[in-house]
Amino acid sequence: MNKIYTLSLGAVAVFTVSCADLDTQPEGEVTGDQFTESVMRDNALLEGVAKSAFFNIGKEYNVFGISQGRADDFGYPADCLSDGTNAGDIVGVNSGYNWFSVAANYGDRNVNYANPYERWAMYYNQIKCCNDLLNNIPEATTPELKAYQALGKALRAFDYFQLVQRYALTYAGHTTDPAVPMYLSDNDKTDGLTTARQTVEFVYNFIEKELDEAATNLEGFNRPDKSVMNQSVVYGLKARVSLVKQDWAKAAEYAQKAIDLAAQEGIVPASIDEVSRVGNMFISNDEPNWMWGLSFGPTNIESDGEYETWVSQISSLASYSYTTETGCFRAINSHLWNTIADSDVRKGWWVDGDCQSPLIEGLLWSNSGETAPLGVGCGNLFDFIPYTNVKFGVYQGQFGTTQTCGDFPMMRVEEMYLIFAEAQGRQNETQGAAALEQFVKTYRDPAYNYAEKPTANFIDE
């Protein structure tokens, strides 16, 4: 297994130039003939390489490396935290410990700042890893090889989809505008096709082609675990892409397909009870509603790297964290919180203005030999601030643990239900509202009634 791990990481790319230039090219080394020969002998090696590729965007010190020790360099979860803060949905304390304060004031739009460089290089690094996999895999003549080739294409499509949404205008009305450069092999540096920024339409067409091929070749594929995509996840990505393109009919079709395929694996929306278990939700690939997640266990934490993980920056329940040990908690915008009905279980995912939530009543945490009600400071742990999130769990559900690891959700089946409802509603509001109401009443708020909403504006809802 060590041999597999070493070889697979050798394909990970290294960036050496500034992100200020949108024509930046990925650089790295290819394992070439050695890789191909090994894969021909042992498909277990291919599985190891594929899993390593998926792990790449979830690791610590993702872009700048361990020598820099940046606490905002933890891959895709850091990108999500930046996005949520940009949107104003997530708020945090304005202190020297808040590595994401620049996202709150849009300082992360500065081309010379580290944050946008991380969000650029992370995806191109993984694209390079996918390219190495695809360019060195032998001709896909067996179902196994076709499946792992499909995984490389699906993951590469995911990366380009993230990039085109961040570094280009949206699809509708901007198809001929410049988007991002595309690299499919080392030859792309000189062939004249992909050395410049491609158009928005070109990039989206490529993404859809990759996903179409992946969906076909992942038919019947049994993945090793949820850290690797399968056919249901690919259809989920196709639904996301179609939604952004405003192709409502396709978005609804693909979302329903993803739902149906996920159900065959036993993946269904979490119940109200399951999303009421503070500490044990939004933390593990074992959760029955997760379709795809980044795996990040104790052995993945670098030496002295407890503070540079997504749990340290987002979860409010572990020690050795920027949240609990500096008071830099991630909270919800109070206006947004007030729009959530009291009968909706999701409102309890954050404490109120008095730092109370029905979901944390009776729960305790411990630190430095002290024990206190969850959210009340003890030992090195700070008091919660108003509207602190208790949504994201903690390793093995142990409040105050020093383990700042945990899996990160990349796709949950609930998203597919909401994409289906929105896509339906964009075409027929009555049908979309019915789908939305059925989902919310069943899984989140039994008292929900769309017709009773003050504005009854489907898109806002």
Protein backbone atom coordinates (compact mmCIF):
# COMPACT_ATOMS: atom_id res chain seq x y z
CA MET A 1 0.00 0.00 0.00
CA ASN A 2 2.89 2.37 0.70
CA LYS A 3 4.17 1.80 -2.83
CA ILE A 4 0.77 2.67 -4.27
CA TYR A 5 0.55 5.81 -2.17
CA THR A 6 4.04 7.01 -3.12
CA LEU A 7 3.53 6.51 -6.82
CA SER A 8 0.13 8.17 -6.87
CA LEU A 9 1.30 11.27 -5.03
CA GLY A 10 4.12 11.60 -7.52
CA ALA A 11 1.55 12.70 -10.04
CA VAL A 12 0.40 15.70 -8.00
CA ALA A 13 1.29 18.99 -9.65
CA VAL A 14 3.31 21.88 -8.26
CA PHE A 15 2.57 25.50 -9.12
CA THR A 16 5.44 27.94 -9.41
CA VAL A 17 3.92 31.09 -10.91
CA SER A 18 1.54 33.87 -9.92
CA CYS A 19 -2.22 33.52 -10.18
CA ALA A 20 -2.45 37.08 -11.44
CA ASP A 21 -1.99 35.64 -14.93
CA LEU A 22 -5.06 33.67 -16.04
CA ASP A 23 -2.89 31.93 -18.62
CA THR A 24 -0.81 30.29 -15.87
CA GLN A 25 0.26 26.77 -16.86
CA PRO A 26 0.41 23.79 -14.50
CA GLU A 27 3.77 22.14 -14.15
CA GLY A 28 4.79 18.75 -12.75
CA GLU A 29 6.29 15.39 -13.47
CA VAL A 30 4.60 12.42 -15.11
CA THR A 31 5.19 8.86 -13.99
CA GLY A 32 4.81 7.62 -17.58
CA ASP A 33 5.89 4.12 -18.56
CA GLN A 34 6.35 2.99 -14.96
CA PHE A 35 2.76 3.93 -14.20
CA THR A 36 1.34 2.22 -17.29
CA GLU A 37 3.31 -0.98 -16.73
CA SER A 38 2.23 -1.18 -13.10
CA VAL A 39 -1.44 -0.62 -13.91
CA MET A 40 -1.36 -3.37 -16.50
CA ARG A 41 -0.21 -5.74 -13.75
CA ASP A 42 -2.42 -4.67 -10.87
CA ASN A 43 -5.72 -2.77 -10.88
CA ALA A 44 -5.29 -2.22 -7.13
CA LEU A 45 -2.61 0.29 -8.06
CA LEU A 46 -5.10 2.13 -10.23
CA GLU A 47 -7.54 2.27 -7.32
CA GLY A 48 -4.80 3.76 -5.15
CA VAL A 49 -3.97 6.41 -7.72
CA ALA A 50 -7.63 7.30 -8.22
CA LYS A 51 -8.25 7.62 -4.47
CA SER A 52 -5.17 9.79 -4.13
CA ALA A 53 -6.47 12.07 -6.87
CA PHE A 54 -9.75 12.51 -5.01
CA PHE A 55 -7.92 13.15 -1.73
CA ASN A 56 -5.79 15.87 -3.30
CA ILE A 57 -8.21 18.77 -2.79
CA GLY A 58 -8.98 17.85 0.80
CA LYS A 59 -5.50 17.77 2.27
CA GLU A 60 -3.77 20.27 4.56
CA TYR A 61 -1.20 22.74 3.22
CA ASN A 62 -2.80 22.15 -0.12
CA VAL A 63 -1.06 24.72 -2.30
CA PHE A 64 1.68 26.50 -0.36
CA GLY A 65 3.00 23.45 1.47
CA ILE A 66 3.76 22.65 5.07
CA SER A 67 6.67 25.10 5.28
CA GLN A 68 4.25 28.01 4.99
CA GLY A 69 1.90 26.63 7.65
CA ARG A 70 -1.09 28.61 6.38
CA ALA A 71 -4.30 27.89 8.32
CA ASP A 72 -6.45 28.76 5.31
CA ASP A 73 -4.73 26.32 2.95
CA PHE A 74 -6.89 23.22 3.46
CA GLY A 75 -8.29 22.74 0.00
CA TYR A 76 -11.89 22.57 -1.13
CA PRO A 77 -13.43 23.15 2.33
CA ALA A 78 -11.46 26.42 2.52
CA ASP A 79 -12.90 27.38 -0.86
CA CYS A 80 -16.42 26.70 0.45
CA LEU A 81 -15.77 28.78 3.58
CA SER A 82 -14.51 31.63 1.40
CA ASP A 83 -17.62 31.41 -0.81
CA GLY A 84 -20.01 31.40 2.13
CA THR A 85 -18.25 34.38 3.67
CA ASN A 86 -18.26 36.23 0.35
CA ALA A 87 -22.01 35.71 0.16
CA GLY A 88 -22.57 37.19 3.61
CA ASP A 89 -24.26 34.03 4.88
CA ILE A 90 -21.32 33.23 7.18
CA VAL A 91 -19.95 35.81 9.59
CA GLY A 92 -16.98 35.64 11.93
CA VAL A 93 -15.10 37.64 14.52
CA ASN A 94 -12.92 40.40 13.09
CA SER A 95 -9.67 39.45 14.76
CA GLY A 96 -6.11 38.57 13.90
CA TYR A 97 -7.09 34.91 14.18
CA ASN A 98 -9.66 35.06 11.39
CA TRP A 99 -7.87 33.76 8.32
CA PHE A 100 -10.98 34.40 6.23
CA SER A 101 -11.70 38.03 7.13
CA VAL A 102 -10.59 39.04 3.62
CA ALA A 103 -13.52 37.08 2.21
CA ALA A 104 -15.91 39.14 4.35
CA ASN A 105 -14.71 42.47 2.91
CA TYR A 106 -13.92 41.10 -0.58
CA GLY A 107 -10.21 41.63 -0.03
CA ASP A 108 -9.82 38.17 -1.53
CA ARG A 109 -10.52 39.72 -4.93
CA ASN A 110 -7.01 41.16 -4.94
CA VAL A 111 -5.07 39.23 -7.60
CA ASN A 112 -1.89 39.34 -5.54
CA TYR A 113 -3.43 37.82 -2.41
CA ALA A 114 -2.90 34.23 -1.33
CA ASN A 115 -6.58 33.29 -1.03
CA PRO A 116 -7.49 33.55 -4.74
CA TYR A 117 -4.21 31.86 -5.65
CA GLU A 118 -5.10 28.90 -3.46
CA ARG A 119 -8.53 28.67 -5.06
CA TRP A 120 -6.92 28.75 -8.52
CA ALA A 121 -3.95 26.46 -8.00
CA MET A 122 -5.79 23.81 -5.98
CA TYR A 123 -7.99 22.86 -8.93
CA TYR A 124 -5.24 22.99 -11.52
CA ASN A 125 -3.05 20.83 -9.30
CA GLN A 126 -5.78 18.22 -9.24
CA ILE A 127 -6.34 18.59 -12.99
CA LYS A 128 -2.67 17.79 -13.47
CA CYS A 129 -3.11 14.68 -11.32
CA CYS A 130 -6.11 13.64 -13.45
CA ASN A 131 -4.19 14.31 -16.65
CA ASP A 132 -1.35 12.09 -15.47
CA LEU A 133 -3.83 9.35 -14.70
CA LEU A 134 -5.61 9.65 -18.05
CA ASN A 135 -2.56 10.15 -20.22
CA ASN A 136 -0.71 7.16 -18.77
CA ILE A 137 -3.53 4.69 -18.38
CA PRO A 138 -3.40 1.91 -20.96
CA GLU A 139 -6.13 1.74 -23.56
CA ALA A 140 -9.37 1.22 -21.66
CA THR A 141 -10.31 -2.27 -22.81
CA THR A 142 -11.72 -3.70 -19.58
CA PRO A 143 -14.65 -2.50 -17.45
CA GLU A 144 -12.23 -1.72 -14.60
CA LEU A 145 -9.96 0.45 -16.73
CA LYS A 146 -12.95 2.18 -18.33
CA ALA A 147 -14.33 2.95 -14.88
CA TYR A 148 -11.11 4.48 -13.57
CA GLN A 149 -10.67 6.42 -16.78
CA ALA A 150 -14.21 7.71 -16.23
CA LEU A 151 -13.30 8.76 -12.68
CA GLY A 152 -10.38 10.79 -13.97
CA LYS A 153 -12.62 12.55 -16.47
CA ALA A 154 -15.39 13.19 -13.94
CA LEU A 155 -12.98 14.66 -11.42
CA ARG A 156 -11.34 16.83 -14.07
CA ALA A 157 -14.78 18.04 -15.14
CA PHE A 158 -15.58 18.91 -11.52
CA ASP A 159 -12.39 20.98 -11.30
CA TYR A 160 -13.06 22.90 -14.50
CA PHE A 161 -16.64 23.51 -13.37
CA GLN A 162 -15.36 25.06 -10.14
CA LEU A 163 -12.85 27.20 -12.04
CA VAL A 164 -15.22 28.46 -14.71
CA GLN A 165 -17.71 29.60 -12.07
CA ARG A 166 -15.03 31.55 -10.18
CA TYR A 167 -12.96 33.05 -12.97
CA ALA A 168 -15.57 33.79 -15.65
CA LEU A 169 -19.01 35.28 -15.99
CA THR A 170 -21.97 32.92 -15.82
CA TYR A 171 -23.03 30.85 -18.83
CA ALA A 172 -26.30 32.57 -19.80
CA GLY A 173 -25.55 35.62 -21.89
CA HIS A 174 -21.76 35.15 -21.75
CA THR A 175 -21.02 32.11 -23.88
CA THR A 176 -18.42 33.91 -26.02
CA ASP A 177 -16.67 35.63 -23.10
CA PRO A 178 -13.22 34.44 -21.97
CA ALA A 179 -13.16 31.79 -19.25
CA VAL A 180 -10.13 29.76 -18.13
CA PRO A 181 -7.20 27.95 -19.80
CA MET A 182 -7.54 24.23 -20.30
CA TYR A 183 -4.79 21.63 -20.12
CA LEU A 184 -5.34 18.00 -21.03
CA SER A 185 -1.74 16.87 -21.51
CA ASP A 186 1.81 18.20 -21.47
CA ASN A 187 1.50 18.81 -25.21
CA ASP A 188 -1.13 21.44 -24.51
CA LYS A 189 1.67 23.87 -23.65
CA THR A 190 2.66 24.09 -27.31
CA ASP A 191 -0.20 22.88 -29.47
CA GLY A 192 -1.87 26.29 -29.61
CA LEU A 193 -5.29 24.96 -28.58
CA THR A 194 -5.34 25.49 -24.84
CA THR A 195 -2.55 27.95 -24.06
CA ALA A 196 -5.03 30.86 -23.90
CA ARG A 197 -8.28 31.32 -22.03
CA GLN A 198 -11.09 29.40 -23.69
CA THR A 199 -14.61 30.77 -24.07
CA VAL A 200 -17.26 30.05 -21.49
CA GLU A 201 -19.16 27.88 -23.99
CA PHE A 202 -16.04 25.88 -24.86
CA VAL A 203 -15.35 25.07 -21.23
CA TYR A 204 -18.95 24.07 -20.49
CA ASN A 205 -19.11 21.90 -23.61
CA PHE A 206 -15.93 20.13 -22.49
CA ILE A 207 -17.29 19.60 -18.97
CA GLU A 208 -20.52 18.10 -20.30
CA LYS A 209 -18.66 15.82 -22.69
CA GLU A 210 -16.44 14.52 -19.89
CA LEU A 211 -19.41 13.89 -17.63
CA ASP A 212 -21.39 12.16 -20.38
CA GLU A 213 -18.52 9.74 -21.01
CA ALA A 214 -18.03 9.19 -17.29
CA ALA A 215 -21.72 8.43 -16.72
CA THR A 216 -21.64 5.79 -19.45
CA ASN A 217 -18.46 4.07 -18.31
CA LEU A 218 -19.36 4.04 -14.62
CA GLU A 219 -22.40 1.88 -15.24
CA GLY A 220 -22.21 -0.95 -12.71
CA PHE A 221 -19.04 0.37 -11.07
CA ASN A 222 -18.75 -0.53 -7.37
CA ARG A 223 -16.62 2.16 -5.76
CA PRO A 224 -14.35 1.33 -2.81
CA ASP A 225 -16.01 3.97 -0.60
CA LYS A 226 -17.74 7.34 -0.80
CA SER A 227 -14.49 9.24 -1.19
CA VAL A 228 -14.62 8.16 -4.85
CA MET A 229 -17.36 9.20 -7.27
CA ASN A 230 -19.74 6.78 -8.92
CA GLN A 231 -22.49 7.09 -11.51
CA SER A 232 -24.97 8.75 -9.13
CA VAL A 233 -22.44 11.47 -8.29
CA VAL A 234 -21.72 12.08 -11.96
CA TYR A 235 -25.42 12.61 -12.60
CA GLY A 236 -25.43 14.96 -9.62
CA LEU A 237 -22.66 16.97 -11.27
CA LYS A 238 -24.57 16.97 -14.54
CA ALA A 239 -27.57 18.38 -12.65
CA ARG A 240 -25.40 21.15 -11.15
CA VAL A 241 -24.00 22.09 -14.54
CA SER A 242 -27.42 22.14 -16.19
CA LEU A 243 -28.80 24.32 -13.40
CA VAL A 244 -26.05 26.91 -13.91
CA LYS A 245 -26.66 26.80 -17.67
CA GLN A 246 -30.38 27.38 -16.97
CA ASP A 247 -31.26 24.21 -18.85
CA TRP A 248 -34.08 23.49 -16.44
CA ALA A 249 -35.42 20.35 -18.10
CA LYS A 250 -32.01 18.65 -18.09
CA ALA A 251 -31.32 19.78 -14.53
CA ALA A 252 -34.53 18.15 -13.33
CA GLU A 253 -33.89 15.00 -15.36
CA TYR A 254 -30.34 14.53 -14.08
CA ALA A 255 -31.24 15.35 -10.48
CA GLN A 256 -33.96 12.70 -10.53
CA LYS A 257 -31.53 10.21 -12.07
CA ALA A 258 -29.02 10.94 -9.30
CA ILE A 259 -31.73 10.47 -6.67
CA ASP A 260 -32.79 7.14 -8.16
CA LEU A 261 -29.24 5.80 -8.43
CA ALA A 262 -28.36 6.95 -4.93
CA ALA A 263 -31.43 5.20 -3.55
CA GLN A 264 -30.13 1.93 -5.00
CA GLU A 265 -27.16 2.32 -2.64
CA GLY A 266 -29.43 3.09 0.30
CA ILE A 267 -28.61 6.81 0.15
CA VAL A 268 -31.69 8.82 1.08
CA PRO A 269 -32.34 12.19 2.73
CA ALA A 270 -31.50 12.37 6.42
CA SER A 271 -34.50 12.35 8.73
CA ILE A 272 -35.34 15.16 11.15
CA ASP A 273 -33.94 13.02 13.95
CA GLU A 274 -30.70 12.36 12.08
CA VAL A 275 -30.07 16.08 11.49
CA SER A 276 -30.78 16.84 15.16
CA ARG A 277 -27.74 14.95 16.45
CA VAL A 278 -25.24 17.72 17.17
CA GLY A 279 -21.70 16.44 16.95
CA ASN A 280 -22.58 13.50 14.73
CA MET A 281 -23.73 15.18 11.52
CA PHE A 282 -21.91 16.76 8.60
CA ILE A 283 -18.75 14.94 9.66
CA SER A 284 -18.61 11.42 8.19
CA ASN A 285 -18.89 9.61 4.88
CA ASP A 286 -20.86 7.01 6.80
CA GLU A 287 -23.85 9.33 7.04
CA PRO A 288 -26.63 7.75 4.99
CA ASN A 289 -27.46 10.89 3.00
CA TRP A 290 -23.94 11.54 1.70
CA MET A 291 -23.31 10.73 -1.95
CA TRP A 292 -19.68 11.84 -2.03
CA GLY A 293 -17.27 13.17 0.57
CA LEU A 294 -13.63 13.98 1.18
CA SER A 295 -12.08 11.52 3.61
CA PHE A 296 -9.91 13.10 6.30
CA GLY A 297 -9.03 10.97 9.33
CA PRO A 298 -6.51 11.29 12.19
CA THR A 299 -3.67 9.87 10.10
CA ASN A 300 -4.19 12.61 7.51
CA ILE A 301 -3.32 15.41 9.96
CA GLU A 302 0.24 16.58 9.49
CA SER A 303 2.53 16.76 12.53
CA ASP A 304 1.55 19.84 14.57
CA GLY A 305 -1.14 20.53 11.97
CA GLU A 306 -4.22 20.31 14.19
CA TYR A 307 -5.07 23.98 13.66
CA GLU A 308 -4.77 23.90 9.86
CA THR A 309 -7.81 21.70 9.14
CA TRP A 310 -11.35 22.46 8.08
CA VAL A 311 -12.69 21.27 11.44
CA SER A 312 -10.45 23.76 13.23
CA GLN A 313 -11.82 26.62 11.12
CA ILE A 314 -15.49 25.65 10.77
CA SER A 315 -16.67 23.26 13.49
CA SER A 316 -17.42 24.71 16.92
CA LEU A 317 -17.05 21.52 18.91
CA ALA A 318 -13.36 20.47 19.08
CA SER A 319 -10.39 21.86 20.96
CA TYR A 320 -7.10 22.60 19.17
CA SER A 321 -9.22 24.79 16.90
CA TYR A 322 -9.23 28.36 15.74
CA THR A 323 -12.93 28.45 16.54
CA THR A 324 -12.98 27.26 20.14
CA GLU A 325 -9.52 28.34 21.31
CA THR A 326 -9.52 31.88 19.88
CA GLY A 327 -13.27 32.57 19.87
CA CYS A 328 -13.24 32.90 16.09
CA PHE A 329 -16.47 30.94 15.60
CA ARG A 330 -18.32 30.70 12.30
CA ALA A 331 -21.82 32.08 12.73
CA ILE A 332 -24.83 32.65 10.51
CA ASN A 333 -26.00 36.06 9.35
CA SER A 334 -28.66 36.96 11.93
CA HIS A 335 -31.07 38.21 9.27
CA LEU A 336 -30.86 34.89 7.47
CA TRP A 337 -31.31 32.99 10.74
CA ASN A 338 -34.48 34.99 11.52
CA THR A 339 -36.03 33.92 8.22
CA ILE A 340 -35.92 30.25 9.25
CA ALA A 341 -39.17 29.04 10.83
CA ASP A 342 -39.01 28.01 14.47
CA SER A 343 -40.56 24.68 13.47
CA ASP A 344 -37.70 23.96 11.03
CA VAL A 345 -35.05 21.69 12.55
CA ARG A 346 -32.36 23.56 10.63
CA LYS A 347 -32.82 26.65 12.79
CA GLY A 348 -31.25 24.70 15.65
CA TRP A 349 -28.06 24.21 13.64
CA TRP A 350 -27.10 27.62 15.01
CA VAL A 351 -27.53 29.02 18.49
CA ASP A 352 -29.76 32.08 18.89
CA GLY A 353 -28.83 35.57 20.02
CA ASP A 354 -28.61 34.26 23.59
CA CYS A 355 -26.40 31.36 22.48
CA GLN A 356 -29.14 28.76 22.98
CA SER A 357 -30.40 25.99 20.71
CA PRO A 358 -32.82 23.19 21.50
CA LEU A 359 -30.37 20.80 19.86
CA ILE A 360 -27.62 21.40 22.44
CA GLU A 361 -29.70 21.32 25.61
CA GLY A 362 -28.11 18.97 28.14
CA LEU A 363 -24.91 18.49 26.11
CA LEU A 364 -21.53 18.98 27.79
CA TRP A 365 -17.97 19.50 26.65
CA SER A 366 -14.67 19.14 28.48
CA ASN A 367 -11.23 20.68 28.36
CA SER A 368 -8.23 20.84 30.70
CA GLY A 369 -10.05 18.88 33.38
CA GLU A 370 -13.11 21.13 33.31
CA THR A 371 -16.60 20.32 32.11
CA ALA A 372 -19.34 22.78 31.17
CA PRO A 373 -22.54 22.99 29.14
CA LEU A 374 -21.74 22.95 25.44
CA GLY A 375 -20.96 26.51 24.36
CA VAL A 376 -20.02 27.77 27.83
CA GLY A 377 -16.29 28.44 28.08
CA CYS A 378 -14.15 26.03 30.07
CA GLY A 379 -10.43 25.39 30.10
CA ASN A 380 -9.08 26.79 26.84
CA LEU A 381 -12.49 26.79 25.16
CA PHE A 382 -14.24 30.10 24.53
CA ASP A 383 -17.94 30.89 25.01
CA PHE A 384 -20.01 30.64 21.84
CA ILE A 385 -20.83 33.94 20.18
CA PRO A 386 -24.44 34.65 19.10
CA TYR A 387 -25.52 32.57 16.12
CA THR A 388 -22.54 30.21 16.31
CA ASN A 389 -23.01 27.11 14.17
CA VAL A 390 -23.34 23.69 15.80
CA LYS A 391 -24.11 22.14 12.42
CA PHE A 392 -20.73 20.61 11.67
CA GLY A 393 -19.81 17.68 13.85
CA VAL A 394 -16.67 16.51 15.53
CA TYR A 395 -14.57 13.35 15.36
CA GLN A 396 -16.48 10.42 16.89
CA GLY A 397 -18.95 12.90 18.37
CA GLN A 398 -16.60 13.73 21.26
CA PHE A 399 -17.13 17.34 22.29
CA GLY A 400 -13.83 19.04 23.11
CA THR A 401 -11.71 16.35 21.43
CA THR A 402 -8.22 17.28 20.29
CA GLN A 403 -8.79 15.46 16.99
CA THR A 404 -9.55 18.14 14.40
CA CYS A 405 -10.25 15.71 11.58
CA GLY A 406 -13.44 14.76 9.82
CA ASP A 407 -14.83 13.94 6.39
CA PHE A 408 -16.22 16.82 4.35
CA PRO A 409 -19.46 16.56 2.33
CA MET A 410 -18.99 17.11 -1.39
CA MET A 411 -22.52 16.08 -2.37
CA ARG A 412 -25.57 15.10 -0.35
CA VAL A 413 -28.72 13.68 -1.84
CA GLU A 414 -30.80 16.54 -0.39
CA GLU A 415 -29.14 18.85 -2.91
CA MET A 416 -30.57 16.76 -5.72
CA TYR A 417 -34.09 17.12 -4.32
CA LEU A 418 -33.67 20.89 -4.18
CA ILE A 419 -32.19 21.09 -7.69
CA PHE A 420 -35.14 19.04 -8.93
CA ALA A 421 -37.62 21.35 -7.19
CA GLU A 422 -35.99 24.52 -8.49
CA ALA A 423 -35.66 23.20 -12.03
CA GLN A 424 -39.29 22.12 -12.00
CA GLY A 425 -40.39 25.46 -10.59
CA ARG A 426 -38.49 27.42 -13.23
CA GLN A 427 -40.66 25.66 -15.79
CA ASN A 428 -43.88 25.37 -13.80
CA GLU A 429 -44.10 27.09 -10.42
CA THR A 430 -46.95 24.91 -9.17
CA GLN A 431 -45.00 21.70 -9.79
CA GLY A 432 -41.83 23.13 -8.30
CA ALA A 433 -43.62 24.38 -5.20
CA ALA A 434 -45.23 20.97 -4.73
CA ALA A 435 -41.86 19.22 -4.94
CA LEU A 436 -40.29 21.70 -2.52
CA GLU A 437 -43.11 21.42 -0.01
CA GLN A 438 -43.08 17.63 -0.05
CA PHE A 439 -39.36 17.55 0.64
CA VAL A 440 -39.33 20.16 3.41
CA LYS A 441 -42.41 18.77 5.19
CA THR A 442 -40.98 15.25 5.12
CA TYR A 443 -37.39 15.91 6.08
CA ARG A 444 -37.00 19.30 7.77
CA ASP A 445 -40.19 21.10 8.86
CA PRO A 446 -43.51 19.24 9.23
CA ALA A 447 -45.34 22.58 9.54
CA TYR A 448 -44.01 23.97 6.25
CA ASN A 449 -46.69 25.31 3.89
CA TYR A 450 -45.51 27.04 0.75
CA ALA A 451 -48.83 28.82 0.20
CA GLU A 452 -48.57 30.47 3.61
CA LYS A 453 -45.20 32.08 2.92
CA PRO A 454 -45.52 35.88 3.06
CA THR A 455 -44.23 36.52 -0.45
CA ALA A 456 -44.86 33.12 -2.04
CA ASN A 457 -41.96 33.90 -4.38
CA PHE A 458 -40.76 30.53 -5.54
CA ILE A 459 -37.25 31.53 -6.60
CA ASP A 460 -36.57 33.43 -3.35
CA GLU A 461 -37.98 30.52 -1.38
